[in-house]
C-alpha atoms as a PDB file:
ATOM      1  CA  MET A   1     -27.482 -19.635  21.751  1.00  0.00           C
ATOM      2  CA  GLU A   2     -24.880 -17.061  22.737  1.00  0.00           C
ATOM      3  CA  LEU A   3     -21.116 -17.290  22.307  1.00  0.00           C
ATOM      4  CA  ARG A   4     -20.774 -16.481  26.011  1.00  0.00           C
ATOM      5  CA  GLN A   5     -22.740 -19.648  26.851  1.00  0.00           C
ATOM      6  CA  ILE A   6     -20.354 -21.760  24.772  1.00  0.00           C
ATOM      7  CA  GLU A   7     -17.355 -20.187  26.499  1.00  0.00           C
ATOM      8  CA  TYR A   8     -18.890 -20.830  29.916  1.00  0.00           C
ATOM      9  CA  PHE A   9     -19.711 -24.450  29.026  1.00  0.00           C
ATOM     10  CA  LEU A  10     -16.139 -25.192  27.970  1.00  0.00           C
ATOM     11  CA  ALA A  11     -14.731 -23.417  31.024  1.00  0.00           C
ATOM     12  CA  VAL A  12     -16.749 -25.705  33.315  1.00  0.00           C
ATOM     13  CA  VAL A  13     -15.531 -28.738  31.337  1.00  0.00           C
ATOM     14  CA  GLU A  14     -11.877 -27.678  31.465  1.00  0.00           C
ATOM     15  CA  HIS A  15     -11.874 -26.642  35.145  1.00  0.00           C
ATOM     16  CA  GLY A  16     -13.968 -29.526  36.429  1.00  0.00           C
ATOM     17  CA  GLY A  17     -16.689 -27.561  38.148  1.00  0.00           C
ATOM     18  CA  LEU A  18     -18.544 -24.318  38.637  1.00  0.00           C
ATOM     19  CA  ASN A  19     -16.388 -22.830  41.386  1.00  0.00           C
ATOM     20  CA  ARG A  20     -13.013 -22.916  39.613  1.00  0.00           C
ATOM     21  CA  ALA A  21     -14.590 -22.021  36.262  1.00  0.00           C
ATOM     22  CA  ALA A  22     -16.274 -18.961  37.821  1.00  0.00           C
ATOM     23  CA  GLN A  23     -12.962 -17.847  39.314  1.00  0.00           C
ATOM     24  CA  ARG A  24     -11.232 -18.277  35.971  1.00  0.00           C
ATOM     25  CA  LEU A  25     -13.934 -16.343  34.117  1.00  0.00           C
ATOM     26  CA  TYR A  26     -14.212 -13.614  36.796  1.00  0.00           C
ATOM     27  CA  VAL A  27     -17.964 -14.103  37.125  1.00  0.00           C
ATOM     28  CA  SER A  28     -20.106 -15.127  40.064  1.00  0.00           C
ATOM     29  CA  GLN A  29     -20.934 -18.784  40.480  1.00  0.00           C
ATOM     30  CA  PRO A  30     -24.722 -18.168  40.357  1.00  0.00           C
ATOM     31  CA  ALA A  31     -24.327 -16.248  37.065  1.00  0.00           C
ATOM     32  CA  LEU A  32     -22.294 -19.094  35.592  1.00  0.00           C
ATOM     33  CA  SER A  33     -24.805 -21.690  36.773  1.00  0.00           C
ATOM     34  CA  GLN A  34     -27.691 -19.722  35.262  1.00  0.00           C
ATOM     35  CA  ALA A  35     -25.863 -19.457  31.905  1.00  0.00           C
ATOM     36  CA  ILE A  36     -25.321 -23.230  31.800  1.00  0.00           C
ATOM     37  CA  GLN A  37     -28.954 -23.897  32.698  1.00  0.00           C
ATOM     38  CA  ALA A  38     -30.099 -21.486  29.953  1.00  0.00           C
ATOM     39  CA  LEU A  39     -27.929 -23.344  27.421  1.00  0.00           C
ATOM     40  CA  GLU A  40     -29.406 -26.675  28.517  1.00  0.00           C
ATOM     41  CA  ARG A  41     -32.952 -25.314  28.150  1.00  0.00           C
ATOM     42  CA  GLU A  42     -32.169 -23.978  24.680  1.00  0.00           C
ATOM     43  CA  LEU A  43     -30.645 -27.283  23.528  1.00  0.00           C
ATOM     44  CA  GLY A  44     -33.321 -29.337  25.269  1.00  0.00           C
ATOM     45  CA  VAL A  45     -30.816 -31.672  26.904  1.00  0.00           C
ATOM     46  CA  GLU A  46     -28.950 -31.975  30.175  1.00  0.00           C
ATOM     47  CA  LEU A  47     -25.224 -31.284  29.694  1.00  0.00           C
ATOM     48  CA  PHE A  48     -23.935 -32.010  33.188  1.00  0.00           C
ATOM     49  CA  GLN A  49     -24.885 -34.445  35.884  1.00  0.00           C
ATOM     50  CA  ARG A  50     -24.654 -33.022  39.390  1.00  0.00           C
ATOM     51  CA  VAL A  51     -22.867 -35.693  41.434  1.00  0.00           C
ATOM     52  CA  ALA A  52     -21.942 -33.540  44.424  1.00  0.00           C
ATOM     53  CA  ARG A  53     -22.577 -30.049  45.748  1.00  0.00           C
ATOM     54  CA  ARG A  54     -20.249 -28.339  43.289  1.00  0.00           C
ATOM     55  CA  SER A  55     -19.005 -31.245  41.184  1.00  0.00           C
ATOM     56  CA  LEU A  56     -20.279 -31.735  37.623  1.00  0.00           C
ATOM     57  CA  VAL A  57     -19.784 -34.641  35.242  1.00  0.00           C
ATOM     58  CA  LEU A  58     -20.556 -34.497  31.544  1.00  0.00           C
ATOM     59  CA  THR A  59     -23.615 -36.368  30.344  1.00  0.00           C
ATOM     60  CA  PRO A  60     -23.460 -38.208  26.974  1.00  0.00           C
ATOM     61  CA  ALA A  61     -25.083 -35.151  25.377  1.00  0.00           C
ATOM     62  CA  GLY A  62     -22.515 -32.873  27.009  1.00  0.00           C
ATOM     63  CA  THR A  63     -19.700 -35.091  25.752  1.00  0.00           C
ATOM     64  CA  LEU A  64     -21.057 -34.774  22.206  1.00  0.00           C
ATOM     65  CA  LEU A  65     -21.203 -30.994  22.526  1.00  0.00           C
ATOM     66  CA  VAL A  66     -17.553 -30.521  23.608  1.00  0.00           C
ATOM     67  CA  PRO A  67     -15.888 -30.909  20.148  1.00  0.00           C
ATOM     68  CA  LYS A  68     -18.649 -28.871  18.524  1.00  0.00           C
ATOM     69  CA  ALA A  69     -18.232 -26.095  21.090  1.00  0.00           C
ATOM     70  CA  ARG A  70     -14.464 -26.050  20.610  1.00  0.00           C
ATOM     71  CA  ALA A  71     -14.926 -25.852  16.828  1.00  0.00           C
ATOM     72  CA  ILE A  72     -17.225 -22.854  17.314  1.00  0.00           C
ATOM     73  CA  LEU A  73     -14.634 -21.017  19.416  1.00  0.00           C
ATOM     74  CA  ASP A  74     -11.834 -21.956  17.001  1.00  0.00           C
ATOM     75  CA  GLY A  75     -13.900 -20.476  14.182  1.00  0.00           C
ATOM     76  CA  VAL A  76     -14.412 -17.262  16.118  1.00  0.00           C
ATOM     77  CA  VAL A  77     -10.663 -16.983  16.806  1.00  0.00           C
ATOM     78  CA  ALA A  78      -9.880 -17.643  13.140  1.00  0.00           C
ATOM     79  CA  ALA A  79     -12.363 -14.946  12.094  1.00  0.00           C
ATOM     80  CA  ARG A  80     -10.785 -12.462  14.504  1.00  0.00           C
ATOM     81  CA  ASP A  81      -7.309 -13.290  13.193  1.00  0.00           C
ATOM     82  CA  ALA A  82      -8.497 -12.843   9.618  1.00  0.00           C
ATOM     83  CA  MET A  83      -9.855  -9.413  10.495  1.00  0.00           C
ATOM     84  CA  SER A  84      -6.730  -8.223  12.339  1.00  0.00           C
ATOM     85  CA  PRO A  85      -5.114  -6.764   9.195  1.00  0.00           C
ATOM     86  CA  ALA A  86      -8.189  -4.616   8.660  1.00  0.00           C
ATOM     87  CA  ARG A  87      -8.074  -3.494  12.303  1.00  0.00           C
ATOM     88  CA  ASP A  88      -4.373  -2.724  12.155  1.00  0.00           C
ATOM     89  CA  LEU A  89      -4.880  -0.644   9.015  1.00  0.00           C
ATOM     90  CA  GLU A  90      -7.413   1.545  10.789  1.00  0.00           C
ATOM     91  CA  ALA A  91      -4.801   2.904  13.188  1.00  0.00           C
ATOM     92  CA  GLY A  92      -1.284   2.234  14.431  1.00  0.00           C
ATOM     93  CA  SER A  93       1.990   3.455  12.963  1.00  0.00           C
ATOM     94  CA  VAL A  94       4.831   2.493  10.633  1.00  0.00           C
ATOM     95  CA  SER A  95       8.419   3.603  11.248  1.00  0.00           C
ATOM     96  CA  ILE A  96      10.295   4.293   8.021  1.00  0.00           C
ATOM     97  CA  GLY A  97      13.943   5.081   7.412  1.00  0.00           C
ATOM     98  CA  THR A  98      15.356   6.677   4.278  1.00  0.00           C
ATOM     99  CA  MET A  99      18.848   7.565   3.115  1.00  0.00           C
ATOM    100  CA  PRO A 100      20.121  10.545   1.118  1.00  0.00           C
ATOM    101  CA  GLU A 101      19.778   8.711  -2.205  1.00  0.00           C
ATOM    102  CA  MET A 102      16.186   7.776  -1.301  1.00  0.00           C
ATOM    103  CA  SER A 103      15.169  11.042   0.336  1.00  0.00           C
ATOM    104  CA  SER A 104      12.142  11.379   2.582  1.00  0.00           C
ATOM    105  CA  ASP A 105      10.381  13.739   0.164  1.00  0.00           C
ATOM    106  CA  ALA A 106      10.631  11.074  -2.554  1.00  0.00           C
ATOM    107  CA  VAL A 107       9.093   8.472  -0.249  1.00  0.00           C
ATOM    108  CA  ALA A 108       6.392  10.961   0.754  1.00  0.00           C
ATOM    109  CA  SER A 109       5.451  11.387  -2.909  1.00  0.00           C
ATOM    110  CA  TRP A 110       5.121   7.612  -3.353  1.00  0.00           C
ATOM    111  CA  ILE A 111       2.813   7.045  -0.374  1.00  0.00           C
ATOM    112  CA  THR A 112       0.087   9.536  -1.229  1.00  0.00           C
ATOM    113  CA  SER A 113      -2.287   6.710  -2.195  1.00  0.00           C
ATOM    114  CA  PHE A 114      -1.603   4.952   1.129  1.00  0.00           C
ATOM    115  CA  ARG A 115      -2.341   8.148   3.040  1.00  0.00           C
ATOM    116  CA  ALA A 116      -5.602   8.591   1.118  1.00  0.00           C
ATOM    117  CA  ARG A 117      -6.705   5.026   1.940  1.00  0.00           C
ATOM    118  CA  HIS A 118      -5.520   4.918   5.544  1.00  0.00           C
ATOM    119  CA  PRO A 119      -5.533   8.458   6.952  1.00  0.00           C
ATOM    120  CA  ASP A 120      -5.414   7.323  10.596  1.00  0.00           C
ATOM    121  CA  VAL A 121      -2.192   5.309  10.275  1.00  0.00           C
ATOM    122  CA  ARG A 122       0.755   7.310  11.553  1.00  0.00           C
ATOM    123  CA  LEU A 123       3.913   7.320   9.414  1.00  0.00           C
ATOM    124  CA  ASP A 124       7.157   8.189  11.210  1.00  0.00           C
ATOM    125  CA  ILE A 125       9.854   8.948   8.608  1.00  0.00           C
ATOM    126  CA  ALA A 126      13.473   9.666   9.503  1.00  0.00           C
ATOM    127  CA  GLU A 127      16.669   9.942   7.467  1.00  0.00           C
ATOM    128  CA  ALA A 128      19.812   7.916   8.114  1.00  0.00           C
ATOM    129  CA  ALA A 129      23.304   9.060   7.176  1.00  0.00           C
ATOM    130  CA  GLY A 130      23.929   6.155   4.815  1.00  0.00           C
ATOM    131  CA  VAL A 131      23.041   2.608   3.868  1.00  0.00           C
ATOM    132  CA  ARG A 132      24.944   0.904   6.711  1.00  0.00           C
ATOM    133  CA  GLU A 133      23.342   3.129   9.307  1.00  0.00           C
ATOM    134  CA  LEU A 134      19.923   2.577   7.723  1.00  0.00           C
ATOM    135  CA  CYS A 135      20.265  -1.211   7.669  1.00  0.00           C
ATOM    136  CA  GLY A 136      21.549  -1.198  11.242  1.00  0.00           C
ATOM    137  CA  GLU A 137      18.439   0.658  12.382  1.00  0.00           C
ATOM    138  CA  VAL A 138      16.194  -1.826  10.544  1.00  0.00           C
ATOM    139  CA  VAL A 139      18.033  -4.805  12.067  1.00  0.00           C
ATOM    140  CA  ALA A 140      17.670  -3.222  15.522  1.00  0.00           C
ATOM    141  CA  GLY A 141      13.939  -2.735  14.969  1.00  0.00           C
ATOM    142  CA  ARG A 142      13.936   1.056  15.139  1.00  0.00           C
ATOM    143  CA  TYR A 143      12.742   1.216  11.522  1.00  0.00           C
ATOM    144  CA  GLU A 144      10.257  -1.339  10.201  1.00  0.00           C
ATOM    145  CA  LEU A 145      11.003  -0.295   6.608  1.00  0.00           C
ATOM    146  CA  GLY A 146      14.143   1.182   5.076  1.00  0.00           C
ATOM    147  CA  PHE A 147      14.196   2.748   1.607  1.00  0.00           C
ATOM    148  CA  THR A 148      17.613   2.335  -0.005  1.00  0.00           C
ATOM    149  CA  THR A 149      19.485   1.824  -3.215  1.00  0.00           C
ATOM    150  CA  GLY A 150      20.995  -1.596  -3.855  1.00  0.00           C
ATOM    151  CA  PRO A 151      22.917  -3.625  -3.075  1.00  0.00           C
ATOM    152  CA  VAL A 152      22.143  -4.126   0.614  1.00  0.00           C
ATOM    153  CA  PRO A 153      25.275  -4.633   2.775  1.00  0.00           C
ATOM    154  CA  THR A 154      23.747  -7.350   4.994  1.00  0.00           C
ATOM    155  CA  LYS A 155      22.270 -10.776   4.377  1.00  0.00           C
ATOM    156  CA  SER A 156      20.048 -10.626   7.447  1.00  0.00           C
ATOM    157  CA  LEU A 157      17.459  -8.374   5.751  1.00  0.00           C
ATOM    158  CA  ASP A 158      15.048  -8.940   2.879  1.00  0.00           C
ATOM    159  CA  PHE A 159      15.218  -6.510  -0.052  1.00  0.00           C
ATOM    160  CA  VAL A 160      12.091  -5.747  -2.098  1.00  0.00           C
ATOM    161  CA  GLU A 161      13.101  -4.022  -5.336  1.00  0.00           C
ATOM    162  CA  LEU A 162      10.747  -1.193  -6.317  1.00  0.00           C
ATOM    163  CA  GLY A 163      12.449   0.060  -9.457  1.00  0.00           C
ATOM    164  CA  VAL A 164      15.558   1.578 -10.966  1.00  0.00           C
ATOM    165  CA  GLN A 165      16.605   5.105 -10.078  1.00  0.00           C
ATOM    166  CA  ARG A 166      17.655   6.940 -13.230  1.00  0.00           C
ATOM    167  CA  LEU A 167      19.921   9.961 -12.828  1.00  0.00           C
ATOM    168  CA  LEU A 168      19.614  12.747 -15.385  1.00  0.00           C
ATOM    169  CA  LEU A 169      21.958  15.683 -15.922  1.00  0.00           C
ATOM    170  CA  VAL A 170      20.326  18.904 -14.678  1.00  0.00           C
ATOM    171  CA  MET A 171      21.812  22.126 -16.096  1.00  0.00           C
ATOM    172  CA  PRO A 172      21.192  25.795 -15.271  1.00  0.00           C
ATOM    173  CA  PRO A 173      18.364  27.656 -17.047  1.00  0.00           C
ATOM    174  CA  GLY A 174      19.379  28.800 -20.518  1.00  0.00           C
ATOM    175  CA  SER A 175      22.095  26.167 -20.932  1.00  0.00           C
ATOM    176  CA  PRO A 176      22.563  24.974 -24.512  1.00  0.00           C
ATOM    177  CA  ALA A 177      20.907  21.602 -24.993  1.00  0.00           C
ATOM    178  CA  PRO A 178      21.565  19.065 -27.766  1.00  0.00           C
ATOM    179  CA  PRO A 179      18.714  18.856 -30.306  1.00  0.00           C
ATOM    180  CA  THR A 180      17.944  15.276 -29.335  1.00  0.00           C
ATOM    181  CA  GLY A 181      17.907  16.030 -25.611  1.00  0.00           C
ATOM    182  CA  GLN A 182      20.618  13.413 -25.149  1.00  0.00           C
ATOM    183  CA  LEU A 183      24.323  13.766 -24.557  1.00  0.00           C
ATOM    184  CA  PRO A 184      27.029  11.067 -24.502  1.00  0.00           C
ATOM    185  CA  LEU A 185      28.708  10.827 -21.114  1.00  0.00           C
ATOM    186  CA  ASP A 186      32.122  11.117 -22.749  1.00  0.00           C
ATOM    187  CA  ALA A 187      31.085  14.524 -24.133  1.00  0.00           C
ATOM    188  CA  LEU A 188      30.699  16.086 -20.703  1.00  0.00           C
ATOM    189  CA  GLY A 189      34.389  16.967 -20.449  1.00  0.00           C
ATOM    190  CA  ASP A 190      35.173  19.130 -17.423  1.00  0.00           C
ATOM    191  CA  LEU A 191      31.569  20.088 -16.691  1.00  0.00           C
ATOM    192  CA  PRO A 192      31.394  21.591 -13.152  1.00  0.00           C
ATOM    193  CA  LEU A 193      29.297  19.426 -10.839  1.00  0.00           C
ATOM    194  CA  THR A 194      27.628  19.731  -7.455  1.00  0.00           C
ATOM    195  CA  VAL A 195      26.822  16.692  -5.346  1.00  0.00           C
ATOM    196  CA  CYS A 196      24.903  15.912  -2.154  1.00  0.00           C
ATOM    197  CA  SER A 197      27.548  15.383   0.504  1.00  0.00           C
ATOM    198  CA  LEU A 198      25.614  12.569   2.217  1.00  0.00           C
ATOM    199  CA  ALA A 199      24.673  10.675  -0.959  1.00  0.00           C
ATOM    200  CA  GLN A 200      28.010   8.888  -1.185  1.00  0.00           C
ATOM    201  CA  ARG A 201      26.675   5.854  -2.994  1.00  0.00           C
ATOM    202  CA  GLU A 202      25.138   7.994  -5.694  1.00  0.00           C
ATOM    203  CA  ASN A 203      28.258  10.141  -5.995  1.00  0.00           C
ATOM    204  CA  ASP A 204      30.402   7.034  -6.408  1.00  0.00           C
ATOM    205  CA  ARG A 205      28.039   5.683  -9.074  1.00  0.00           C
ATOM    206  CA  VAL A 206      28.200   8.924 -11.080  1.00  0.00           C
ATOM    207  CA  ALA A 207      31.986   9.181 -10.724  1.00  0.00           C
ATOM    208  CA  THR A 208      32.432   5.563 -11.827  1.00  0.00           C
ATOM    209  CA  ALA A 209      30.158   6.036 -14.859  1.00  0.00           C
ATOM    210  CA  LEU A 210      32.142   9.112 -15.936  1.00  0.00           C
ATOM    211  CA  ARG A 211      35.526   7.501 -15.414  1.00  0.00           C
ATOM    212  CA  ASP A 212      34.383   4.437 -17.362  1.00  0.00           C
ATOM    213  CA  VAL A 213      34.116   6.677 -20.446  1.00  0.00           C
ATOM    214  CA  GLY A 214      37.343   8.545 -19.731  1.00  0.00           C
ATOM    215  CA  VAL A 215      35.910  11.640 -18.035  1.00  0.00           C
ATOM    216  CA  GLU A 216      37.318  12.819 -14.702  1.00  0.00           C
ATOM    217  CA  PRO A 217      34.523  14.355 -12.575  1.00  0.00           C
ATOM    218  CA  ARG A 218      35.031  18.038 -11.799  1.00  0.00           C
ATOM    219  CA  LEU A 219      33.446  18.593  -8.390  1.00  0.00           C
ATOM    220  CA  ILE A 220      33.157  22.252  -7.408  1.00  0.00           C
ATOM    221  CA  ALA A 221      30.420  22.171  -4.729  1.00  0.00           C
ATOM    222  CA  SER A 222      29.213  19.722  -2.086  1.00  0.00           C
ATOM    223  CA  MET A 223      25.748  20.481  -0.695  1.00  0.00           C
ATOM    224  CA  PRO A 224      23.903  19.051   2.337  1.00  0.00           C
ATOM    225  CA  ASN A 225      20.849  17.832   0.421  1.00  0.00           C
ATOM    226  CA  ARG A 226      19.239  17.585  -3.017  1.00  0.00           C
ATOM    227  CA  HIS A 227      17.230  20.769  -2.666  1.00  0.00           C
ATOM    228  CA  ALA A 228      20.390  22.730  -1.965  1.00  0.00           C
ATOM    229  CA  GLN A 229      21.949  21.085  -5.050  1.00  0.00           C
ATOM    230  CA  LEU A 230      19.024  22.154  -7.186  1.00  0.00           C
ATOM    231  CA  THR A 231      19.038  25.693  -5.788  1.00  0.00           C
ATOM    232  CA  LEU A 232      22.696  25.998  -6.726  1.00  0.00           C
ATOM    233  CA  VAL A 233      22.053  24.678 -10.236  1.00  0.00           C
ATOM    234  CA  LEU A 234      19.161  27.082 -10.780  1.00  0.00           C
ATOM    235  CA  GLY A 235      21.475  29.918  -9.768  1.00  0.00           C
ATOM    236  CA  GLY A 236      23.760  29.065 -12.689  1.00  0.00           C
ATOM    237  CA  GLY A 237      27.309  27.898 -13.319  1.00  0.00           C
ATOM    238  CA  VAL A 238      27.042  24.370 -11.936  1.00  0.00           C
ATOM    239  CA  HIS A 239      25.353  21.086 -12.890  1.00  0.00           C
ATOM    240  CA  ALA A 240      24.049  18.021 -11.024  1.00  0.00           C
ATOM    241  CA  PHE A 241      22.912  14.466 -11.626  1.00  0.00           C
ATOM    242  CA  LEU A 242      19.455  14.144 -10.060  1.00  0.00           C
ATOM    243  CA  PRO A 243      16.858  11.340  -9.989  1.00  0.00           C
ATOM    244  CA  LEU A 244      14.125  11.359 -12.605  1.00  0.00           C
ATOM    245  CA  ARG A 245      11.421  12.478 -10.168  1.00  0.00           C
ATOM    246  CA  MET A 246      13.442  15.507  -9.074  1.00  0.00           C
ATOM    247  CA  ALA A 247      14.593  16.170 -12.623  1.00  0.00           C
ATOM    248  CA  VAL A 248      10.942  16.716 -13.541  1.00  0.00           C
ATOM    249  CA  GLN A 249      10.607  19.258 -10.746  1.00  0.00           C
ATOM    250  CA  ALA A 250      13.863  20.933 -11.822  1.00  0.00           C
ATOM    251  CA  ARG A 251      12.672  21.338 -15.403  1.00  0.00           C
ATOM    252  CA  ARG A 252       9.437  22.893 -14.212  1.00  0.00           C
ATOM    253  CA  LEU A 253      11.557  25.446 -12.350  1.00  0.00           C
ATOM    254  CA  GLY A 254      13.425  26.355 -15.539  1.00  0.00           C
ATOM    255  CA  ALA A 255      16.404  23.981 -15.492  1.00  0.00           C
ATOM    256  CA  VAL A 256      17.578  22.230 -18.636  1.00  0.00           C
ATOM    257  CA  VAL A 257      17.435  18.440 -18.233  1.00  0.00           C
ATOM    258  CA  ILE A 258      19.570  16.143 -20.356  1.00  0.00           C
ATOM    259  CA  GLU A 259      19.413  12.364 -20.704  1.00  0.00           C
ATOM    260  CA  THR A 260      22.929  10.954 -20.899  1.00  0.00           C
ATOM    261  CA  GLU A 261      24.083   7.999 -22.952  1.00  0.00           C
ATOM    262  CA  PRO A 262      24.609   5.650 -21.254  1.00  0.00           C
ATOM    263  CA  LEU A 263      22.118   6.503 -18.544  1.00  0.00           C
ATOM    264  CA  VAL A 264      23.434   6.469 -14.977  1.00  0.00           C
ATOM    265  CA  SER A 265      21.111   4.264 -12.942  1.00  0.00           C
ATOM    266  CA  VAL A 266      20.908   2.143  -9.781  1.00  0.00           C
ATOM    267  CA  PRO A 267      18.228  -0.242  -8.429  1.00  0.00           C
ATOM    268  CA  PHE A 268      16.348   0.774  -5.297  1.00  0.00           C
ATOM    269  CA  GLY A 269      13.786  -0.689  -2.962  1.00  0.00           C
ATOM    270  CA  VAL A 270      12.829  -1.454   0.630  1.00  0.00           C
ATOM    271  CA  VAL A 271      14.648  -3.495   3.261  1.00  0.00           C
ATOM    272  CA  HIS A 272      12.937  -5.110   6.231  1.00  0.00           C
ATOM    273  CA  ARG A 273      13.547  -7.805   8.794  1.00  0.00           C
ATOM    274  CA  ARG A 274      12.708 -11.323   7.714  1.00  0.00           C
ATOM    275  CA  ALA A 275       9.884 -11.608  10.205  1.00  0.00           C
ATOM    276  CA  ALA A 276       6.485 -10.874   8.684  1.00  0.00           C
ATOM    277  CA  LEU A 277       5.689  -7.199   8.153  1.00  0.00           C
ATOM    278  CA  SER A 278       2.811  -5.593   9.985  1.00  0.00           C
ATOM    279  CA  PRO A 279      -0.284  -5.197   7.780  1.00  0.00           C
ATOM    280  CA  ALA A 280       0.240  -1.428   7.623  1.00  0.00           C
ATOM    281  CA  ALA A 281       3.903  -1.748   6.618  1.00  0.00           C
ATOM    282  CA  HIS A 282       3.019  -4.355   4.003  1.00  0.00           C
ATOM    283  CA  GLU A 283       0.416  -1.975   2.592  1.00  0.00           C
ATOM    284  CA  VAL A 284       2.927   0.908   2.508  1.00  0.00           C
ATOM    285  CA  VAL A 285       5.285  -1.204   0.375  1.00  0.00           C
ATOM    286  CA  SER A 286       2.426  -2.373  -1.839  1.00  0.00           C
ATOM    287  CA  GLN A 287       1.142   1.159  -2.450  1.00  0.00           C
ATOM    288  CA  CYS A 288       4.637   2.540  -3.137  1.00  0.00           C
ATOM    289  CA  LYS A 289       5.227  -0.191  -5.697  1.00  0.00           C
ATOM    290  CA  ALA A 290       1.821   0.434  -7.282  1.00  0.00           C
ATOM    291  CA  THR A 291       2.575   4.163  -7.598  1.00  0.00           C
ATOM    292  CA  LEU A 292       5.991   3.575  -9.143  1.00  0.00           C
ATOM    293  CA  ASP A 293       4.725   0.833 -11.457  1.00  0.00           C
ATOM    294  CA  SER A 294       1.985   3.188 -12.689  1.00  0.00           C
ATOM    295  CA  TRP A 295       4.538   5.906 -13.403  1.00  0.00           C
ATOM    296  CA  TYR A 296       6.921   3.554 -15.171  1.00  0.00           C
ATOM    297  CA  ALA A 297       4.070   2.135 -17.266  1.00  0.00           C
ATOM    298  CA  ALA A 298       2.872   5.620 -18.248  1.00  0.00           C
ATOM    299  CA  ILE A 299       6.423   6.615 -19.198  1.00  0.00           C
ATOM    300  CA  ALA A 300       6.886   3.486 -21.291  1.00  0.00           C
ATOM    301  CA  ASP A 301       3.545   4.036 -23.045  1.00  0.00           C
ATOM    302  CA  ALA A 302       4.381   7.654 -23.900  1.00  0.00           C
ATOM    303  CA  ARG A 303       7.808   6.728 -25.215  1.00  0.00           C
ATOM    304  CA  THR A 304       6.425   3.894 -27.338  1.00  0.00           C
ATOM    305  CA  ALA A 305       3.281   5.567 -28.654  1.00  0.00           C
ATOM    306  CA  LYS A 306       4.498   9.152 -29.035  1.00  0.00           C
ATOM    307  CA  GLY A 307       8.247   8.758 -29.272  1.00  0.00           C
ATOM    308  CA  ALA A 308       8.609  11.082 -26.268  1.00  0.00           C
ATOM    309  CA  SER A 309      11.944  11.545 -24.538  1.00  0.00           C
ATOM    310  CA  LEU A 310      12.394  10.119 -21.067  1.00  0.00           C
ATOM    311  CA  ILE A 311      12.042  13.512 -19.354  1.00  0.00           C
ATOM    312  CA  ASP A 312       9.012  14.527 -21.495  1.00  0.00           C
ATOM    313  CA  ALA A 313       7.253  11.241 -20.763  1.00  0.00           C
ATOM    314  CA  ALA A 314       8.053  11.439 -17.047  1.00  0.00           C
ATOM    315  CA  ASP A 315       6.853  15.039 -16.846  1.00  0.00           C
ATOM    316  CA  ALA A 316       3.578  14.239 -18.619  1.00  0.00           C
ATOM    317  CA  ALA A 317       2.806  11.344 -16.269  1.00  0.00           C
ATOM    318  CA  TYR A 318       4.086  12.893 -13.037  1.00  0.00           C
ATOM    319  CA  ASP A 319       1.016  14.703 -11.685  1.00  0.00           C
ATOM    320  CA  ALA A 320      -1.450  11.883 -12.331  1.00  0.00           C
ATOM    321  CA  VAL A 321       0.698   9.432 -10.371  1.00  0.00           C
ATOM    322  CA  HIS A 322       2.345  11.442  -7.589  1.00  0.00           C
ATOM    323  CA  ILE A 323      -0.233  14.086  -6.663  1.00  0.00           C
ATOM    324  CA  PRO A 324      -3.564  13.157  -4.985  1.00  0.00           C
ATOM    325  CA  ALA A 325      -6.677  13.933  -7.030  1.00  0.00           C
ATOM    326  CA  VAL A 326      -7.898  16.415  -4.383  1.00  0.00           C
ATOM    327  CA  GLU A 327      -4.808  18.569  -5.035  1.00  0.00           C
ATOM    328  CA  ARG A 328      -5.085  18.594  -8.815  1.00  0.00           C
END
């Protein structure tokens, strides 16, 4: 028995005869009639009684077959639906928006495992000017996912928290560092700072943290992006608060990285419309969270077992989590 025969049988039942069923199926009437006859021979029963030239009426056996045939087709549809996530993950695309505080290079480092698993899925990543612009693009459907710090300025989107962004003080190479690698925020005094001009949320968070301990921020340079910030710091004479991931990179380039007390931090995650995510987008979020969870767990283990500082633990775990095995 072939699935095509079941489909043809039900089409004849639903359309009341061979002629209309053939038109609906875009097959010739003789081909349809032959398929029905083949099904009857295979089952050993007559399914239709021919009462006129083209008119068919179900026999008792045919009537018994109808619910069984429909159940077969329903099962096939259900199987196809169940397999659609696998199909969608073989190709397609996901549109992703980021903001200055959640830069595109950070997101790119978190999705390496997704890229390794699904190399044919296209990822379109663009940067928005700020959180309101980002959320507006997600609401409008131009981005399926938006990476942002919290809180989210709209109740019409869902927010999936991925972690907490910790900002460390990055100082020029050769800067004196406290023996413990930590420095109270109220000890920063009039330390010259550079900020990313577009990362207003982050700048406000740093300024608020400093003012809370009685320190007035001394801003001497505003740069267009984090890499320009870091380049300026490495050149000497200015400092910056940078996320832990970038602080690791800065230290490897010779910068001195200090953990402040208290630590300046802000939650971050992904926003999306409340309709269900596409399978590929859902997998992107899942893999990003898995990558970050692995890094956080490795950092916590190193700090507990070895008493490592935050930056030492993050540096030790960085490559294993963020860089694909083929590149190591």
